[in-house]
Amino acid sequence: MIVQDQIRNIPNRYPYFLLAVELLASQVGEHGLLRYYLALKQPGTTWPEVFREAFGMTVEEFYQLFEEHRAAGFPELNVPK
């Protein structure tokens, strides 16, 4: 969980929210994001389980992917419909 701890220690990390959503959308498209949000409403599931199912990676794997994307200067991404 070193990456997760590193994310927590980034000052003013909340402005990165939209960049994180863009990165997720580039992986699964806009409809994938909607499926994730709808699945969160299902009883008996946790958000990390829903995240893994919706995006095909664990939260920790996403943190690593986001760190790589950040280190690359947040290059523009294509978001499939």
N, C-alpha and C. Protein backbone atom coordinates (compact mmCIF):
# COMPACT_ATOMS: atom_id res chain seq x y z
N MET A 1 0.80 -1.19 0.00
CA MET A 1 0.00 0.00 0.00
C MET A 1 0.85 1.26 0.00
N ILE A 2 2.09 1.14 -0.39
CA ILE A 2 2.97 2.30 -0.41
C ILE A 2 2.41 3.36 -1.36
N VAL A 3 1.93 2.95 -2.53
CA VAL A 3 1.42 3.92 -3.49
C VAL A 3 0.23 4.67 -2.90
N GLN A 4 -0.68 3.97 -2.25
CA GLN A 4 -1.85 4.61 -1.64
C GLN A 4 -1.40 5.63 -0.58
N ASP A 5 -0.41 5.28 0.22
CA ASP A 5 0.10 6.21 1.22
C ASP A 5 0.73 7.43 0.54
N GLN A 6 1.41 7.21 -0.58
CA GLN A 6 2.01 8.32 -1.31
C GLN A 6 0.93 9.25 -1.83
N ILE A 7 -0.17 8.69 -2.34
CA ILE A 7 -1.27 9.50 -2.85
C ILE A 7 -1.84 10.36 -1.72
N ARG A 8 -2.01 9.76 -0.55
CA ARG A 8 -2.56 10.52 0.59
C ARG A 8 -1.68 11.70 0.98
N ASN A 9 -0.38 11.58 0.74
CA ASN A 9 0.55 12.62 1.15
C ASN A 9 0.74 13.72 0.11
N ILE A 10 0.05 13.64 -1.03
CA ILE A 10 0.16 14.69 -2.04
C ILE A 10 -0.66 15.88 -1.58
N PRO A 11 -0.04 17.04 -1.45
CA PRO A 11 -0.82 18.22 -1.03
C PRO A 11 -1.82 18.59 -2.13
N ASN A 12 -2.99 19.01 -1.72
CA ASN A 12 -4.03 19.44 -2.67
C ASN A 12 -4.32 18.39 -3.73
N ARG A 13 -4.51 17.15 -3.32
CA ARG A 13 -4.72 16.07 -4.29
C ARG A 13 -6.08 16.11 -4.95
N TYR A 14 -7.05 16.78 -4.37
CA TYR A 14 -8.40 16.76 -4.93
C TYR A 14 -8.51 17.39 -6.31
N PRO A 15 -7.70 18.39 -6.67
CA PRO A 15 -7.79 18.88 -8.05
C PRO A 15 -7.47 17.82 -9.10
N TYR A 16 -6.85 16.72 -8.68
CA TYR A 16 -6.52 15.64 -9.61
C TYR A 16 -7.73 14.75 -9.92
N PHE A 17 -8.83 14.99 -9.25
CA PHE A 17 -10.03 14.16 -9.41
C PHE A 17 -10.44 14.03 -10.87
N LEU A 18 -10.55 15.16 -11.57
CA LEU A 18 -11.01 15.11 -12.96
C LEU A 18 -10.01 14.38 -13.86
N LEU A 19 -8.73 14.52 -13.58
CA LEU A 19 -7.74 13.80 -14.36
C LEU A 19 -7.82 12.30 -14.10
N ALA A 20 -8.13 11.92 -12.88
CA ALA A 20 -8.28 10.50 -12.55
C ALA A 20 -9.51 9.93 -13.26
N VAL A 21 -10.60 10.68 -13.26
CA VAL A 21 -11.82 10.22 -13.94
C VAL A 21 -11.56 10.10 -15.44
N GLU A 22 -10.85 11.06 -16.00
CA GLU A 22 -10.52 10.99 -17.43
C GLU A 22 -9.70 9.73 -17.74
N LEU A 23 -8.76 9.41 -16.88
CA LEU A 23 -7.94 8.22 -17.08
C LEU A 23 -8.80 6.96 -17.01
N LEU A 24 -9.69 6.90 -16.03
CA LEU A 24 -10.59 5.74 -15.94
C LEU A 24 -11.49 5.65 -17.16
N ALA A 25 -12.02 6.78 -17.60
CA ALA A 25 -12.90 6.79 -18.77
C ALA A 25 -12.15 6.34 -20.02
N SER A 26 -10.87 6.65 -20.10
CA SER A 26 -10.09 6.21 -21.26
C SER A 26 -9.93 4.70 -21.28
N GLN A 27 -10.07 4.07 -20.11
CA GLN A 27 -9.96 2.61 -20.00
C GLN A 27 -11.26 1.90 -20.33
N VAL A 28 -12.40 2.48 -19.92
CA VAL A 28 -13.69 1.77 -20.04
C VAL A 28 -14.77 2.57 -20.75
N GLY A 29 -14.50 3.80 -21.13
CA GLY A 29 -15.50 4.62 -21.80
C GLY A 29 -16.49 5.25 -20.83
N GLU A 30 -17.29 6.15 -21.38
CA GLU A 30 -18.27 6.86 -20.56
C GLU A 30 -19.29 5.90 -19.95
N HIS A 31 -19.69 4.91 -20.72
CA HIS A 31 -20.69 3.96 -20.22
C HIS A 31 -20.12 3.11 -19.08
N GLY A 32 -18.83 2.84 -19.13
CA GLY A 32 -18.19 2.11 -18.05
C GLY A 32 -18.23 2.88 -16.75
N LEU A 33 -18.04 4.19 -16.84
CA LEU A 33 -18.14 5.03 -15.64
C LEU A 33 -19.55 4.98 -15.06
N LEU A 34 -20.53 5.04 -15.93
CA LEU A 34 -21.92 4.98 -15.47
C LEU A 34 -22.21 3.63 -14.81
N ARG A 35 -21.73 2.55 -15.41
CA ARG A 35 -21.93 1.22 -14.82
C ARG A 35 -21.30 1.16 -13.42
N TYR A 36 -20.14 1.77 -13.27
CA TYR A 36 -19.48 1.78 -11.96
C TYR A 36 -20.36 2.49 -10.93
N TYR A 37 -20.83 3.68 -11.26
CA TYR A 37 -21.64 4.44 -10.31
C TYR A 37 -22.94 3.73 -9.97
N LEU A 38 -23.56 3.09 -10.95
CA LEU A 38 -24.79 2.34 -10.68
C LEU A 38 -24.52 1.12 -9.82
N ALA A 39 -23.39 0.45 -10.05
CA ALA A 39 -23.05 -0.74 -9.27
C ALA A 39 -22.77 -0.41 -7.81
N LEU A 40 -22.35 0.81 -7.55
CA LEU A 40 -22.09 1.22 -6.16
C LEU A 40 -23.34 1.17 -5.31
N LYS A 41 -24.49 1.27 -5.94
CA LYS A 41 -25.76 1.27 -5.21
C LYS A 41 -26.21 -0.13 -4.81
N GLN A 42 -25.55 -1.16 -5.34
CA GLN A 42 -25.95 -2.52 -5.05
C GLN A 42 -25.57 -2.90 -3.62
N PRO A 43 -26.51 -3.44 -2.87
CA PRO A 43 -26.18 -3.83 -1.49
C PRO A 43 -25.21 -5.01 -1.46
N GLY A 44 -24.42 -5.05 -0.42
CA GLY A 44 -23.53 -6.19 -0.21
C GLY A 44 -22.22 -6.12 -0.96
N THR A 45 -21.90 -4.99 -1.57
CA THR A 45 -20.62 -4.86 -2.26
C THR A 45 -19.86 -3.68 -1.69
N THR A 46 -18.56 -3.75 -1.78
CA THR A 46 -17.73 -2.63 -1.33
C THR A 46 -17.24 -1.88 -2.57
N TRP A 47 -16.89 -0.61 -2.38
CA TRP A 47 -16.46 0.15 -3.55
C TRP A 47 -15.19 -0.41 -4.18
N PRO A 48 -14.21 -0.95 -3.42
CA PRO A 48 -13.05 -1.54 -4.09
C PRO A 48 -13.42 -2.77 -4.94
N GLU A 49 -14.41 -3.55 -4.49
CA GLU A 49 -14.86 -4.70 -5.30
C GLU A 49 -15.51 -4.21 -6.59
N VAL A 50 -16.37 -3.21 -6.47
CA VAL A 50 -17.05 -2.66 -7.64
C VAL A 50 -16.03 -2.03 -8.58
N PHE A 51 -15.05 -1.34 -8.02
CA PHE A 51 -14.00 -0.71 -8.82
C PHE A 51 -13.27 -1.76 -9.64
N ARG A 52 -12.85 -2.85 -8.98
CA ARG A 52 -12.12 -3.92 -9.67
C ARG A 52 -12.96 -4.53 -10.79
N GLU A 53 -14.22 -4.75 -10.50
CA GLU A 53 -15.11 -5.34 -11.49
C GLU A 53 -15.34 -4.39 -12.67
N ALA A 54 -15.57 -3.13 -12.38
CA ALA A 54 -15.90 -2.15 -13.42
C ALA A 54 -14.70 -1.77 -14.28
N PHE A 55 -13.53 -1.64 -13.65
CA PHE A 55 -12.38 -1.11 -14.36
C PHE A 55 -11.31 -2.16 -14.67
N GLY A 56 -11.49 -3.37 -14.18
CA GLY A 56 -10.55 -4.44 -14.51
C GLY A 56 -9.20 -4.31 -13.84
N MET A 57 -9.15 -3.57 -12.74
CA MET A 57 -7.90 -3.42 -11.99
C MET A 57 -8.25 -3.07 -10.55
N THR A 58 -7.33 -3.35 -9.67
CA THR A 58 -7.55 -2.99 -8.28
C THR A 58 -7.32 -1.49 -8.11
N VAL A 59 -7.75 -0.97 -6.98
CA VAL A 59 -7.52 0.44 -6.68
C VAL A 59 -6.02 0.72 -6.63
N GLU A 60 -5.25 -0.18 -6.03
CA GLU A 60 -3.80 0.01 -5.95
C GLU A 60 -3.18 0.03 -7.35
N GLU A 61 -3.65 -0.84 -8.25
CA GLU A 61 -3.14 -0.84 -9.62
C GLU A 61 -3.48 0.48 -10.32
N PHE A 62 -4.68 0.99 -10.04
CA PHE A 62 -5.03 2.28 -10.63
C PHE A 62 -4.14 3.40 -10.10
N TYR A 63 -3.85 3.39 -8.80
CA TYR A 63 -2.97 4.41 -8.24
C TYR A 63 -1.62 4.40 -8.96
N GLN A 64 -1.12 3.21 -9.24
CA GLN A 64 0.15 3.11 -9.95
C GLN A 64 0.02 3.65 -11.38
N LEU A 65 -1.06 3.29 -12.07
CA LEU A 65 -1.31 3.78 -13.42
C LEU A 65 -1.42 5.30 -13.43
N PHE A 66 -2.14 5.84 -12.44
CA PHE A 66 -2.30 7.28 -12.36
C PHE A 66 -0.96 7.96 -12.10
N GLU A 67 -0.13 7.38 -11.26
CA GLU A 67 1.20 7.95 -11.00
C GLU A 67 2.02 7.98 -12.28
N GLU A 68 1.95 6.93 -13.08
CA GLU A 68 2.67 6.91 -14.36
C GLU A 68 2.13 8.00 -15.29
N HIS A 69 0.80 8.15 -15.31
CA HIS A 69 0.16 9.17 -16.14
C HIS A 69 0.57 10.57 -15.67
N ARG A 70 0.61 10.77 -14.36
CA ARG A 70 1.04 12.06 -13.81
C ARG A 70 2.49 12.35 -14.17
N ALA A 71 3.34 11.33 -14.02
CA ALA A 71 4.77 11.51 -14.31
C ALA A 71 4.99 11.84 -15.79
N ALA A 72 4.09 11.39 -16.65
CA ALA A 72 4.20 11.67 -18.09
C ALA A 72 3.64 13.05 -18.45
N GLY A 73 3.16 13.79 -17.45
CA GLY A 73 2.66 15.14 -17.70
C GLY A 73 1.20 15.20 -18.09
N PHE A 74 0.44 14.17 -17.74
CA PHE A 74 -0.99 14.10 -18.05
C PHE A 74 -1.26 14.29 -19.54
N PRO A 75 -0.69 13.42 -20.38
CA PRO A 75 -0.94 13.57 -21.81
C PRO A 75 -2.44 13.41 -22.12
N GLU A 76 -2.87 14.04 -23.20
CA GLU A 76 -4.29 13.98 -23.60
C GLU A 76 -4.68 12.54 -23.91
N LEU A 77 -5.87 12.18 -23.50
CA LEU A 77 -6.37 10.82 -23.69
C LEU A 77 -7.63 10.84 -24.54
N ASN A 78 -7.85 9.76 -25.26
CA ASN A 78 -9.09 9.57 -25.98
C ASN A 78 -10.05 8.80 -25.08
N VAL A 79 -11.27 9.29 -24.97
CA VAL A 79 -12.28 8.63 -24.16
C VAL A 79 -13.30 8.01 -25.08
N PRO A 80 -13.35 6.66 -25.13
CA PRO A 80 -14.35 6.00 -25.98
C PRO A 80 -15.75 6.22 -25.45
N LYS A 81 -16.70 6.23 -26.33
CA LYS A 81 -18.11 6.39 -25.94
C LYS A 81 -18.66 5.09 -25.43
